[in-house]
Structure formats: structure tokens, C-alpha cells
């Protein structure tokens, strides 16, 4: 869990407020335990695109190797509701690994332990 929390903090710190940096870490913990998020407070991000969020979702999904991609797509839709408000979970799922090296958040073969 430390690796994915560290990865999340590293990737999001430049683009979110301190409060918004804490929430995704809490939500990821719940996701990793298989819990469904109930009305999470959306995390606001500056400068990150939907592609960045898809890559982030792919990276954490791959790291945990739990559940289906549809579950991480729904997780992203809930956590980043403002950015992804007009995107359906099926669309998110189908684009998780698009343009692997584009965007600010890239697809990782494995998460770095920092």
C-alpha cells in the first residue's frame, strides 16, 4: 500500500490542493480493500486531462491486480467526477491505456518505490 500511496502523492501533488491530495489516497485504500465508494467528495485537479486520469487508473488497477477494469473506471468516474462528468464508465474503461506515453501521467510497467 505504501508504494501506491507514494505514487499517488508524487503524481498528484503538483496538480491538487493538500486536501485533495489526501482524499485520493483514502479512496485508493478503500478500492484496494474491495470497498465501494459511497458518495465520495470529488477530487479537483488542475492541468490534468481525462487521459492522465485514465493512465492513473490503469496504473493502480495493474498494481493491485484486483477486480475488473470496469471497477477502476467507475472508481475514476466517482473520484474525479468534475473532470469526467461527461464521460461514461464504459468509455473510461476502453481508454485506460490509450497513448501510453502522452500526457502528464504515463502508463507505468510497475510503480516505482520511492
PDB file of N, CA and C in Angstrom:
ATOM      1  N   UNK A   1       0.824  -1.190   0.000  1.00  0.00           N
ATOM      2  CA  UNK A   1       0.000   0.000   0.000  1.00  0.00           C
ATOM      3  C   UNK A   1       0.874   1.262   0.000  1.00  0.00           C
ATOM      4  N   UNK A   2       2.007   1.201   0.688  1.00  0.00           N
ATOM      5  CA  UNK A   2       2.889   2.373   0.737  1.00  0.00           C
ATOM      6  C   UNK A   2       3.324   2.815  -0.654  1.00  0.00           C
ATOM      7  N   UNK A   3       3.599   1.856  -1.537  1.00  0.00           N
ATOM      8  CA  UNK A   3       4.082   2.175  -2.879  1.00  0.00           C
ATOM      9  C   UNK A   3       3.016   2.941  -3.661  1.00  0.00           C
ATOM     10  N   UNK A   4       1.786   2.460  -3.627  1.00  0.00           N
ATOM     11  CA  UNK A   4       0.736   3.117  -4.408  1.00  0.00           C
ATOM     12  C   UNK A   4       0.358   4.476  -3.809  1.00  0.00           C
ATOM     13  N   UNK A   5       0.402   4.604  -2.508  1.00  0.00           N
ATOM     14  CA  UNK A   5       0.126   5.903  -1.879  1.00  0.00           C
ATOM     15  C   UNK A   5       1.235   6.892  -2.231  1.00  0.00           C
ATOM     16  N   UNK A   6       2.470   6.454  -2.156  1.00  0.00           N
ATOM     17  CA  UNK A   6       3.598   7.306  -2.523  1.00  0.00           C
ATOM     18  C   UNK A   6       3.500   7.723  -3.996  1.00  0.00           C
ATOM     19  N   UNK A   7       3.163   6.765  -4.847  1.00  0.00           N
ATOM     20  CA  UNK A   7       2.992   7.048  -6.276  1.00  0.00           C
ATOM     21  C   UNK A   7       1.891   8.096  -6.487  1.00  0.00           C
ATOM     22  N   UNK A   8       0.774   7.923  -5.813  1.00  0.00           N
ATOM     23  CA  UNK A   8      -0.351   8.852  -5.939  1.00  0.00           C
ATOM     24  C   UNK A   8       0.052  10.245  -5.487  1.00  0.00           C
ATOM     25  N   UNK A   9       0.702  10.333  -4.340  1.00  0.00           N
ATOM     26  CA  UNK A   9       1.133  11.637  -3.839  1.00  0.00           C
ATOM     27  C   UNK A   9       2.111  12.301  -4.803  1.00  0.00           C
ATOM     28  N   UNK A  10       3.035  11.532  -5.336  1.00  0.00           N
ATOM     29  CA  UNK A  10       4.029  12.066  -6.269  1.00  0.00           C
ATOM     30  C   UNK A  10       3.364  12.574  -7.550  1.00  0.00           C
ATOM     31  N   UNK A  11       2.441  11.786  -8.100  1.00  0.00           N
ATOM     32  CA  UNK A  11       1.796  12.154  -9.364  1.00  0.00           C
ATOM     33  C   UNK A  11       0.842  13.337  -9.216  1.00  0.00           C
ATOM     34  N   UNK A  12       0.137  13.419  -8.103  1.00  0.00           N
ATOM     35  CA  UNK A  12      -0.911  14.429  -7.966  1.00  0.00           C
ATOM     36  C   UNK A  12      -0.488  15.700  -7.241  1.00  0.00           C
ATOM     37  N   UNK A  13       0.574  15.662  -6.470  1.00  0.00           N
ATOM     38  CA  UNK A  13       0.980  16.827  -5.669  1.00  0.00           C
ATOM     39  C   UNK A  13       1.048  18.130  -6.461  1.00  0.00           C
ATOM     40  N   UNK A  14       1.614  18.138  -7.667  1.00  0.00           N
ATOM     41  CA  UNK A  14       1.692  19.415  -8.398  1.00  0.00           C
ATOM     42  C   UNK A  14       0.338  19.933  -8.897  1.00  0.00           C
ATOM     43  N   UNK A  15      -0.699  19.093  -8.856  1.00  0.00           N
ATOM     44  CA  UNK A  15      -1.953  19.431  -9.531  1.00  0.00           C
ATOM     45  C   UNK A  15      -3.172  19.529  -8.622  1.00  0.00           C
ATOM     46  N   UNK A  16      -2.996  19.297  -7.328  1.00  0.00           N
ATOM     47  CA  UNK A  16      -4.139  19.322  -6.403  1.00  0.00           C
ATOM     48  C   UNK A  16      -3.782  20.084  -5.130  1.00  0.00           C
ATOM     49  N   UNK A  17      -4.814  20.482  -4.418  1.00  0.00           N
ATOM     50  CA  UNK A  17      -4.609  21.110  -3.112  1.00  0.00           C
ATOM     51  C   UNK A  17      -4.194  20.028  -2.112  1.00  0.00           C
ATOM     52  N   UNK A  18      -3.725  20.463  -0.941  1.00  0.00           N
ATOM     53  CA  UNK A  18      -3.325  19.495   0.087  1.00  0.00           C
ATOM     54  C   UNK A  18      -4.498  18.598   0.484  1.00  0.00           C
ATOM     55  N   UNK A  19      -5.696  19.205   0.620  1.00  0.00           N
ATOM     56  CA  UNK A  19      -6.882  18.407   0.974  1.00  0.00           C
ATOM     57  C   UNK A  19      -7.201  17.401  -0.124  1.00  0.00           C
ATOM     58  N   UNK A  20      -7.087  17.856  -1.368  1.00  0.00           N
ATOM     59  CA  UNK A  20      -7.387  16.970  -2.483  1.00  0.00           C
ATOM     60  C   UNK A  20      -6.314  15.910  -2.681  1.00  0.00           C
ATOM     61  N   UNK A  21      -5.182  16.047  -2.048  1.00  0.00           N
ATOM     62  CA  UNK A  21      -4.145  15.022  -2.119  1.00  0.00           C
ATOM     63  C   UNK A  21      -4.422  13.896  -1.117  1.00  0.00           C
ATOM     64  N   UNK A  22      -5.064  14.218  -0.033  1.00  0.00           N
ATOM     65  CA  UNK A  22      -5.385  13.214   0.994  1.00  0.00           C
ATOM     66  C   UNK A  22      -6.511  12.291   0.529  1.00  0.00           C
ATOM     67  N   UNK A  23      -7.536  12.876  -0.074  1.00  0.00           N
ATOM     68  CA  UNK A  23      -8.722  12.087  -0.443  1.00  0.00           C
ATOM     69  C   UNK A  23      -8.434  10.948  -1.417  1.00  0.00           C
ATOM     70  N   UNK A  24      -7.696  11.166  -2.513  1.00  0.00           N
ATOM     71  CA  UNK A  24      -7.496  10.012  -3.403  1.00  0.00           C
ATOM     72  C   UNK A  24      -6.752   8.872  -2.714  1.00  0.00           C
ATOM     73  N   UNK A  25      -5.879   9.206  -1.787  1.00  0.00           N
ATOM     74  CA  UNK A  25      -5.162   8.152  -1.052  1.00  0.00           C
ATOM     75  C   UNK A  25      -6.141   7.351  -0.197  1.00  0.00           C
ATOM     76  N   UNK A  26      -7.092   8.033   0.432  1.00  0.00           N
ATOM     77  CA  UNK A  26      -8.113   7.339   1.228  1.00  0.00           C
ATOM     78  C   UNK A  26      -8.998   6.480   0.324  1.00  0.00           C
ATOM     79  N   UNK A  27      -9.364   7.031  -0.822  1.00  0.00           N
ATOM     80  CA  UNK A  27     -10.225   6.305  -1.751  1.00  0.00           C
ATOM     81  C   UNK A  27      -9.498   5.079  -2.328  1.00  0.00           C
ATOM     82  N   UNK A  28      -8.221   5.218  -2.591  1.00  0.00           N
ATOM     83  CA  UNK A  28      -7.447   4.093  -3.118  1.00  0.00           C
ATOM     84  C   UNK A  28      -7.362   2.980  -2.087  1.00  0.00           C
ATOM     85  N   UNK A  29      -7.215   3.339  -0.836  1.00  0.00           N
ATOM     86  CA  UNK A  29      -7.202   2.329   0.225  1.00  0.00           C
ATOM     87  C   UNK A  29      -8.519   1.557   0.210  1.00  0.00           C
ATOM     88  N   UNK A  30      -9.631   2.271   0.123  1.00  0.00           N
ATOM     89  CA  UNK A  30     -10.945   1.616   0.072  1.00  0.00           C
ATOM     90  C   UNK A  30     -11.048   0.725  -1.166  1.00  0.00           C
ATOM     91  N   UNK A  31     -10.600   1.241  -2.312  1.00  0.00           N
ATOM     92  CA  UNK A  31     -10.632   0.465  -3.562  1.00  0.00           C
ATOM     93  C   UNK A  31      -9.812  -0.814  -3.415  1.00  0.00           C
ATOM     94  N   UNK A  32      -8.626  -0.714  -2.833  1.00  0.00           N
ATOM     95  CA  UNK A  32      -7.745  -1.870  -2.704  1.00  0.00           C
ATOM     96  C   UNK A  32      -8.339  -2.944  -1.795  1.00  0.00           C
ATOM     97  N   UNK A  33      -9.217  -2.514  -0.896  1.00  0.00           N
ATOM     98  CA  UNK A  33      -9.876  -3.451   0.025  1.00  0.00           C
ATOM     99  C   UNK A  33     -11.183  -3.987  -0.560  1.00  0.00           C
ATOM    100  N   UNK A  34     -11.499  -3.555  -1.784  1.00  0.00           N
ATOM    101  CA  UNK A  34     -12.714  -4.035  -2.440  1.00  0.00           C
ATOM    102  C   UNK A  34     -13.972  -3.319  -2.000  1.00  0.00           C
ATOM    103  N   UNK A  35     -13.831  -2.192  -1.320  1.00  0.00           N
ATOM    104  CA  UNK A  35     -14.994  -1.447  -0.857  1.00  0.00           C
ATOM    105  C   UNK A  35     -15.516  -0.521  -1.955  1.00  0.00           C
ATOM    106  N   UNK A  36     -16.823  -0.387  -2.017  1.00  0.00           N
ATOM    107  CA  UNK A  36     -17.450   0.524  -2.968  1.00  0.00           C
ATOM    108  C   UNK A  36     -17.504   1.903  -2.319  1.00  0.00           C
ATOM    109  N   UNK A  37     -17.088   2.903  -3.058  1.00  0.00           N
ATOM    110  CA  UNK A  37     -17.126   4.271  -2.534  1.00  0.00           C
ATOM    111  C   UNK A  37     -18.563   4.763  -2.504  1.00  0.00           C
ATOM    112  N   UNK A  38     -18.972   5.274  -1.368  1.00  0.00           N
ATOM    113  CA  UNK A  38     -20.314   5.811  -1.213  1.00  0.00           C
ATOM    114  C   UNK A  38     -20.249   7.328  -1.173  1.00  0.00           C
ATOM    115  N   UNK A  39     -20.672   7.973  -2.235  1.00  0.00           N
ATOM    116  CA  UNK A  39     -20.704   9.436  -2.329  1.00  0.00           C
ATOM    117  C   UNK A  39     -19.381  10.104  -1.951  1.00  0.00           C
ATOM    118  N   UNK A  40     -18.303   9.741  -2.625  1.00  0.00           N
ATOM    119  CA  UNK A  40     -17.026  10.390  -2.304  1.00  0.00           C
ATOM    120  C   UNK A  40     -17.047  11.851  -2.737  1.00  0.00           C
ATOM    121  N   UNK A  41     -16.310  12.664  -2.024  1.00  0.00           N
ATOM    122  CA  UNK A  41     -16.164  14.065  -2.420  1.00  0.00           C
ATOM    123  C   UNK A  41     -15.191  14.098  -3.593  1.00  0.00           C
ATOM    124  N   UNK A  42     -15.621  14.640  -4.738  1.00  0.00           N
ATOM    125  CA  UNK A  42     -14.743  14.635  -5.912  1.00  0.00           C
ATOM    126  C   UNK A  42     -13.425  15.359  -5.661  1.00  0.00           C
ATOM    127  N   UNK A  43     -12.384  14.844  -6.279  1.00  0.00           N
ATOM    128  CA  UNK A  43     -11.053  15.429  -6.186  1.00  0.00           C
ATOM    129  C   UNK A  43     -10.879  16.370  -7.370  1.00  0.00           C
ATOM    130  N   UNK A  44     -10.554  17.613  -7.068  1.00  0.00           N
ATOM    131  CA  UNK A  44     -10.311  18.584  -8.125  1.00  0.00           C
ATOM    132  C   UNK A  44      -8.859  18.535  -8.561  1.00  0.00           C
ATOM    133  N   UNK A  45      -8.634  18.550  -9.855  1.00  0.00           N
ATOM    134  CA  UNK A  45      -7.279  18.518 -10.386  1.00  0.00           C
ATOM    135  C   UNK A  45      -7.101  19.662 -11.381  1.00  0.00           C
ATOM    136  N   UNK A  46      -5.937  20.272 -11.338  1.00  0.00           N
ATOM    137  CA  UNK A  46      -5.608  21.340 -12.282  1.00  0.00           C
ATOM    138  C   UNK A  46      -4.608  20.803 -13.289  1.00  0.00           C
ATOM    139  N   UNK A  47      -4.817  21.093 -14.545  1.00  0.00           N
ATOM    140  CA  UNK A  47      -3.913  20.747 -15.645  1.00  0.00           C
ATOM    141  C   UNK A  47      -3.954  19.276 -16.050  1.00  0.00           C
ATOM    142  N   UNK A  48      -4.566  18.410 -15.265  1.00  0.00           N
ATOM    143  CA  UNK A  48      -4.639  17.003 -15.659  1.00  0.00           C
ATOM    144  C   UNK A  48      -5.842  16.801 -16.563  1.00  0.00           C
ATOM    145  N   UNK A  49      -5.639  16.021 -17.609  1.00  0.00           N
ATOM    146  CA  UNK A  49      -6.706  15.726 -18.550  1.00  0.00           C
ATOM    147  C   UNK A  49      -7.338  14.382 -18.217  1.00  0.00           C
ATOM    148  N   UNK A  50      -8.397  14.062 -18.919  1.00  0.00           N
ATOM    149  CA  UNK A  50      -9.005  12.750 -18.732  1.00  0.00           C
ATOM    150  C   UNK A  50      -7.998  11.643 -19.066  1.00  0.00           C
ATOM    151  N   UNK A  51      -7.154  11.855 -20.082  1.00  0.00           N
ATOM    152  CA  UNK A  51      -6.132  10.861 -20.424  1.00  0.00           C
ATOM    153  C   UNK A  51      -5.202  10.600 -19.239  1.00  0.00           C
ATOM    154  N   UNK A  52      -4.799  11.657 -18.542  1.00  0.00           N
ATOM    155  CA  UNK A  52      -3.942  11.488 -17.357  1.00  0.00           C
ATOM    156  C   UNK A  52      -4.646  10.634 -16.307  1.00  0.00           C
ATOM    157  N   UNK A  53      -5.919  10.893 -16.092  1.00  0.00           N
ATOM    158  CA  UNK A  53      -6.677  10.141 -15.095  1.00  0.00           C
ATOM    159  C   UNK A  53      -6.868   8.692 -15.525  1.00  0.00           C
ATOM    160  N   UNK A  54      -7.053   8.467 -16.819  1.00  0.00           N
ATOM    161  CA  UNK A  54      -7.155   7.086 -17.311  1.00  0.00           C
ATOM    162  C   UNK A  54      -5.852   6.338 -17.037  1.00  0.00           C
ATOM    163  N   UNK A  55      -4.735   6.984 -17.343  1.00  0.00           N
ATOM    164  CA  UNK A  55      -3.427   6.349 -17.099  1.00  0.00           C
ATOM    165  C   UNK A  55      -3.240   6.045 -15.616  1.00  0.00           C
ATOM    166  N   UNK A  56      -3.610   6.995 -14.775  1.00  0.00           N
ATOM    167  CA  UNK A  56      -3.520   6.774 -13.336  1.00  0.00           C
ATOM    168  C   UNK A  56      -4.363   5.548 -12.950  1.00  0.00           C
ATOM    169  N   UNK A  57      -5.584   5.480 -13.467  1.00  0.00           N
ATOM    170  CA  UNK A  57      -6.463   4.348 -13.165  1.00  0.00           C
ATOM    171  C   UNK A  57      -5.859   3.025 -13.622  1.00  0.00           C
ATOM    172  N   UNK A  58      -5.288   3.022 -14.820  1.00  0.00           N
ATOM    173  CA  UNK A  58      -4.639   1.805 -15.326  1.00  0.00           C
ATOM    174  C   UNK A  58      -3.508   1.388 -14.395  1.00  0.00           C
ATOM    175  N   UNK A  59      -2.692   2.349 -14.006  1.00  0.00           N
ATOM    176  CA  UNK A  59      -1.527   2.044 -13.173  1.00  0.00           C
ATOM    177  C   UNK A  59      -1.922   1.458 -11.833  1.00  0.00           C
ATOM    178  N   UNK A  60      -2.948   2.015 -11.197  1.00  0.00           N
ATOM    179  CA  UNK A  60      -3.329   1.444  -9.895  1.00  0.00           C
ATOM    180  C   UNK A  60      -4.061   0.119 -10.078  1.00  0.00           C
ATOM    181  N   UNK A  61      -4.856   0.002 -11.136  1.00  0.00           N
ATOM    182  CA  UNK A  61      -5.531  -1.269 -11.405  1.00  0.00           C
ATOM    183  C   UNK A  61      -4.501  -2.371 -11.623  1.00  0.00           C
ATOM    184  N   UNK A  62      -3.507  -2.075 -12.426  1.00  0.00           N
ATOM    185  CA  UNK A  62      -2.459  -3.053 -12.730  1.00  0.00           C
ATOM    186  C   UNK A  62      -1.663  -3.403 -11.467  1.00  0.00           C
ATOM    187  N   UNK A  63      -1.378  -2.408 -10.647  1.00  0.00           N
ATOM    188  CA  UNK A  63      -0.604  -2.637  -9.426  1.00  0.00           C
ATOM    189  C   UNK A  63      -1.335  -3.592  -8.487  1.00  0.00           C
ATOM    190  N   UNK A  64      -2.616  -3.331  -8.262  1.00  0.00           N
ATOM    191  CA  UNK A  64      -3.372  -4.160  -7.320  1.00  0.00           C
ATOM    192  C   UNK A  64      -3.802  -5.489  -7.927  1.00  0.00           C
ATOM    193  N   UNK A  65      -3.962  -5.531  -9.242  1.00  0.00           N
ATOM    194  CA  UNK A  65      -4.415  -6.750  -9.928  1.00  0.00           C
ATOM    195  C   UNK A  65      -5.669  -7.320  -9.277  1.00  0.00           C
ATOM    196  N   UNK A  66      -6.609  -6.415  -8.948  1.00  0.00           N
ATOM    197  CA  UNK A  66      -7.870  -6.873  -8.381  1.00  0.00           C
ATOM    198  C   UNK A  66      -9.018  -6.312  -9.206  1.00  0.00           C
ATOM    199  N   UNK A  67     -10.073  -7.046  -9.238  1.00  0.00           N
ATOM    200  CA  UNK A  67     -11.268  -6.565  -9.911  1.00  0.00           C
ATOM    201  C   UNK A  67     -11.092  -6.438 -11.412  1.00  0.00           C
ATOM    202  N   UNK A  68     -12.126  -5.918 -12.009  1.00  0.00           N
ATOM    203  CA  UNK A  68     -12.137  -5.745 -13.452  1.00  0.00           C
ATOM    204  C   UNK A  68     -11.875  -4.283 -13.785  1.00  0.00           C
ATOM    205  N   UNK A  69     -11.507  -4.045 -15.025  1.00  0.00           N
ATOM    206  CA  UNK A  69     -11.253  -2.670 -15.451  1.00  0.00           C
ATOM    207  C   UNK A  69     -12.500  -1.804 -15.294  1.00  0.00           C
ATOM    208  N   UNK A  70     -13.670  -2.396 -15.425  1.00  0.00           N
ATOM    209  CA  UNK A  70     -14.915  -1.645 -15.243  1.00  0.00           C
ATOM    210  C   UNK A  70     -14.993  -1.051 -13.829  1.00  0.00           C
ATOM    211  N   UNK A  71     -14.429  -1.759 -12.862  1.00  0.00           N
ATOM    212  CA  UNK A  71     -14.459  -1.268 -11.480  1.00  0.00           C
ATOM    213  C   UNK A  71     -13.549  -0.062 -11.302  1.00  0.00           C
ATOM    214  N   UNK A  72     -12.365  -0.090 -11.898  1.00  0.00           N
ATOM    215  CA  UNK A  72     -11.470   1.058 -11.783  1.00  0.00           C
ATOM    216  C   UNK A  72     -12.033   2.229 -12.591  1.00  0.00           C
ATOM    217  N   UNK A  73     -12.723   1.947 -13.681  1.00  0.00           N
ATOM    218  CA  UNK A  73     -13.355   3.015 -14.462  1.00  0.00           C
ATOM    219  C   UNK A  73     -14.419   3.726 -13.620  1.00  0.00           C
ATOM    220  N   UNK A  74     -15.218   2.961 -12.903  1.00  0.00           N
ATOM    221  CA  UNK A  74     -16.227   3.554 -12.029  1.00  0.00           C
ATOM    222  C   UNK A  74     -15.561   4.323 -10.885  1.00  0.00           C
ATOM    223  N   UNK A  75     -14.486   3.770 -10.344  1.00  0.00           N
ATOM    224  CA  UNK A  75     -13.709   4.453  -9.305  1.00  0.00           C
ATOM    225  C   UNK A  75     -13.263   5.829  -9.811  1.00  0.00           C
ATOM    226  N   UNK A  76     -12.678   5.871 -11.007  1.00  0.00           N
ATOM    227  CA  UNK A  76     -12.222   7.144 -11.574  1.00  0.00           C
ATOM    228  C   UNK A  76     -13.387   8.106 -11.770  1.00  0.00           C
ATOM    229  N   UNK A  77     -14.499   7.599 -12.276  1.00  0.00           N
ATOM    230  CA  UNK A  77     -15.687   8.425 -12.520  1.00  0.00           C
ATOM    231  C   UNK A  77     -16.177   9.058 -11.220  1.00  0.00           C
ATOM    232  N   UNK A  78     -16.141   8.319 -10.133  1.00  0.00           N
ATOM    233  CA  UNK A  78     -16.592   8.831  -8.839  1.00  0.00           C
ATOM    234  C   UNK A  78     -15.593   9.802  -8.225  1.00  0.00           C
ATOM    235  N   UNK A  79     -14.333   9.441  -8.244  1.00  0.00           N
ATOM    236  CA  UNK A  79     -13.301  10.239  -7.574  1.00  0.00           C
ATOM    237  C   UNK A  79     -13.002  11.539  -8.326  1.00  0.00           C
ATOM    238  N   UNK A  80     -13.021  11.473  -9.629  1.00  0.00           N
ATOM    239  CA  UNK A  80     -12.714  12.655 -10.448  1.00  0.00           C
ATOM    240  C   UNK A  80     -13.969  13.087 -11.215  1.00  0.00           C
ATOM    241  N   UNK A  81     -15.059  13.183 -10.472  1.00  0.00           N
ATOM    242  CA  UNK A  81     -16.370  13.446 -11.065  1.00  0.00           C
ATOM    243  C   UNK A  81     -16.418  14.743 -11.861  1.00  0.00           C
ATOM    244  N   UNK A  82     -15.703  15.751 -11.438  1.00  0.00           N
ATOM    245  CA  UNK A  82     -15.748  17.029 -12.156  1.00  0.00           C
ATOM    246  C   UNK A  82     -15.123  16.910 -13.541  1.00  0.00           C
ATOM    247  N   UNK A  83     -13.944  16.325 -13.615  1.00  0.00           N
ATOM    248  CA  UNK A  83     -13.242  16.193 -14.895  1.00  0.00           C
ATOM    249  C   UNK A  83     -13.953  15.195 -15.806  1.00  0.00           C
ATOM    250  N   UNK A  84     -14.489  14.132 -15.223  1.00  0.00           N
ATOM    251  CA  UNK A  84     -15.069  13.044 -16.007  1.00  0.00           C
ATOM    252  C   UNK A  84     -16.597  13.075 -16.034  1.00  0.00           C
ATOM    253  N   UNK A  85     -17.178  14.224 -15.747  1.00  0.00           N
ATOM    254  CA  UNK A  85     -18.640  14.312 -15.621  1.00  0.00           C
ATOM    255  C   UNK A  85     -19.374  13.913 -16.903  1.00  0.00           C
ATOM    256  N   UNK A  86     -18.780  14.172 -18.050  1.00  0.00           N
ATOM    257  CA  UNK A  86     -19.434  13.872 -19.323  1.00  0.00           C
ATOM    258  C   UNK A  86     -18.956  12.576 -19.965  1.00  0.00           C
ATOM    259  N   UNK A  87     -18.242  11.755 -19.198  1.00  0.00           N
ATOM    260  CA  UNK A  87     -17.674  10.523 -19.745  1.00  0.00           C
ATOM    261  C   UNK A  87     -18.284   9.320 -19.018  1.00  0.00           C
ATOM    262  N   UNK A  88     -18.824   8.401 -19.793  1.00  0.00           N
ATOM    263  CA  UNK A  88     -19.421   7.197 -19.212  1.00  0.00           C
ATOM    264  C   UNK A  88     -18.327   6.204 -18.797  1.00  0.00           C
ATOM    265  N   UNK A  89     -18.579   5.409 -17.739  1.00  0.00           N
ATOM    266  CA  UNK A  89     -17.575   4.431 -17.297  1.00  0.00           C
ATOM    267  C   UNK A  89     -17.097   3.483 -18.401  1.00  0.00           C
ATOM    268  N   UNK A  90     -17.985   3.090 -19.309  1.00  0.00           N
ATOM    269  CA  UNK A  90     -17.557   2.199 -20.405  1.00  0.00           C
ATOM    270  C   UNK A  90     -16.520   2.874 -21.305  1.00  0.00           C
ATOM    271  N   UNK A  91     -16.669   4.164 -21.523  1.00  0.00           N
ATOM    272  CA  UNK A  91     -15.708   4.915 -22.335  1.00  0.00           C
ATOM    273  C   UNK A  91     -14.380   5.007 -21.583  1.00  0.00           C
ATOM    274  N   UNK A  92     -14.452   5.278 -20.283  1.00  0.00           N
ATOM    275  CA  UNK A  92     -13.231   5.340 -19.466  1.00  0.00           C
ATOM    276  C   UNK A  92     -12.492   4.014 -19.573  1.00  0.00           C
ATOM    277  N   UNK A  93     -13.234   2.921 -19.385  1.00  0.00           N
ATOM    278  CA  UNK A  93     -12.629   1.584 -19.430  1.00  0.00           C
ATOM    279  C   UNK A  93     -11.934   1.329 -20.757  1.00  0.00           C
ATOM    280  N   UNK A  94     -12.544   1.747 -21.836  1.00  0.00           N
ATOM    281  CA  UNK A  94     -11.981   1.456 -23.157  1.00  0.00           C
ATOM    282  C   UNK A  94     -10.764   2.321 -23.501  1.00  0.00           C
ATOM    283  N   UNK A  95     -10.506   3.347 -22.689  1.00  0.00           N
ATOM    284  CA  UNK A  95      -9.386   4.248 -22.984  1.00  0.00           C
ATOM    285  C   UNK A  95      -8.311   4.270 -21.892  1.00  0.00           C
ATOM    286  N   UNK A  96      -8.350   3.338 -20.958  1.00  0.00           N
ATOM    287  CA  UNK A  96      -7.411   3.353 -19.833  1.00  0.00           C
ATOM    288  C   UNK A  96      -5.947   3.362 -20.262  1.00  0.00           C
ATOM    289  N   UNK A  97      -5.634   2.699 -21.360  1.00  0.00           N
ATOM    290  CA  UNK A  97      -4.227   2.553 -21.747  1.00  0.00           C
ATOM    291  C   UNK A  97      -3.910   3.264 -23.068  1.00  0.00           C
ATOM    292  N   UNK A  98      -4.757   4.184 -23.493  1.00  0.00           N
ATOM    293  CA  UNK A  98      -4.531   4.926 -24.740  1.00  0.00           C
ATOM    294  C   UNK A  98      -3.272   5.783 -24.648  1.00  0.00           C
ATOM    295  N   UNK A  99      -2.585   5.917 -25.771  1.00  0.00           N
ATOM    296  CA  UNK A  99      -1.447   6.843 -25.883  1.00  0.00           C
ATOM    297  C   UNK A  99      -0.551   6.789 -24.653  1.00  0.00           C
ATOM    298  N   UNK A 100       0.024   5.633 -24.406  1.00  0.00           N
ATOM    299  CA  UNK A 100       0.731   5.324 -23.159  1.00  0.00           C
ATOM    300  C   UNK A 100       1.743   6.358 -22.695  1.00  0.00           C
ATOM    301  N   UNK A 101       2.422   7.012 -23.611  1.00  0.00           N
ATOM    302  CA  UNK A 101       3.459   7.966 -23.205  1.00  0.00           C
ATOM    303  C   UNK A 101       3.047   9.428 -23.394  1.00  0.00           C
ATOM    304  N   UNK A 102       1.777   9.658 -23.649  1.00  0.00           N
ATOM    305  CA  UNK A 102       1.281  11.028 -23.751  1.00  0.00           C
ATOM    306  C   UNK A 102       0.703  11.452 -22.413  1.00  0.00           C
ATOM    307  N   UNK A 103       0.588  12.757 -22.236  1.00  0.00           N
ATOM    308  CA  UNK A 103       0.010  13.285 -21.010  1.00  0.00           C
ATOM    309  C   UNK A 103       1.046  13.483 -19.917  1.00  0.00           C
ATOM    310  N   UNK A 104       0.582  13.995 -18.808  1.00  0.00           N
ATOM    311  CA  UNK A 104       1.456  14.236 -17.661  1.00  0.00           C
ATOM    312  C   UNK A 104       1.659  12.965 -16.833  1.00  0.00           C
ATOM    313  N   UNK A 105       0.661  12.101 -16.816  1.00  0.00           N
ATOM    314  CA  UNK A 105       0.766  10.813 -16.127  1.00  0.00           C
ATOM    315  C   UNK A 105       0.888   9.746 -17.204  1.00  0.00           C
ATOM    316  N   UNK A 106       1.947   8.991 -17.148  1.00  0.00           N
ATOM    317  CA  UNK A 106       2.248   7.974 -18.145  1.00  0.00           C
ATOM    318  C   UNK A 106       1.882   6.584 -17.626  1.00  0.00           C
ATOM    319  N   UNK A 107       1.685   5.655 -18.556  1.00  0.00           N
ATOM    320  CA  UNK A 107       1.492   4.251 -18.184  1.00  0.00           C
ATOM    321  C   UNK A 107       2.817   3.735 -17.616  1.00  0.00           C
ATOM    322  N   UNK A 108       2.735   3.078 -16.461  1.00  0.00           N
ATOM    323  CA  UNK A 108       3.921   2.523 -15.798  1.00  0.00           C
ATOM    324  C   UNK A 108       3.882   0.996 -15.915  1.00  0.00           C
ATOM    325  N   UNK A 109       5.018   0.410 -16.269  1.00  0.00           N
ATOM    326  CA  UNK A 109       5.100  -1.056 -16.276  1.00  0.00           C
ATOM    327  C   UNK A 109       5.007  -1.584 -14.848  1.00  0.00           C
ATOM    328  N   UNK A 110       5.593  -0.860 -13.923  1.00  0.00           N
ATOM    329  CA  UNK A 110       5.458  -1.148 -12.498  1.00  0.00           C
ATOM    330  C   UNK A 110       5.603   0.177 -11.761  1.00  0.00           C
ATOM    331  N   UNK A 111       4.973   0.264 -10.615  1.00  0.00           N
ATOM    332  CA  UNK A 111       5.053   1.514  -9.859  1.00  0.00           C
ATOM    333  C   UNK A 111       6.389   1.611  -9.151  1.00  0.00           C
ATOM    334  N   UNK A 112       7.014   2.774  -9.226  1.00  0.00           N
ATOM    335  CA  UNK A 112       8.306   2.939  -8.554  1.00  0.00           C
ATOM    336  C   UNK A 112       8.124   3.002  -7.038  1.00  0.00           C
ATOM    337  N   UNK A 113       9.020   2.388  -6.325  1.00  0.00           N
ATOM    338  CA  UNK A 113       9.001   2.521  -4.859  1.00  0.00           C
ATOM    339  C   UNK A 113       9.899   3.704  -4.517  1.00  0.00           C
ATOM    340  N   UNK A 114       9.272   4.736  -3.987  1.00  0.00           N
ATOM    341  CA  UNK A 114      10.015   5.977  -3.752  1.00  0.00           C
ATOM    342  C   UNK A 114      10.393   6.135  -2.314  1.00  0.00           C
TER     343      UNK A 114
END
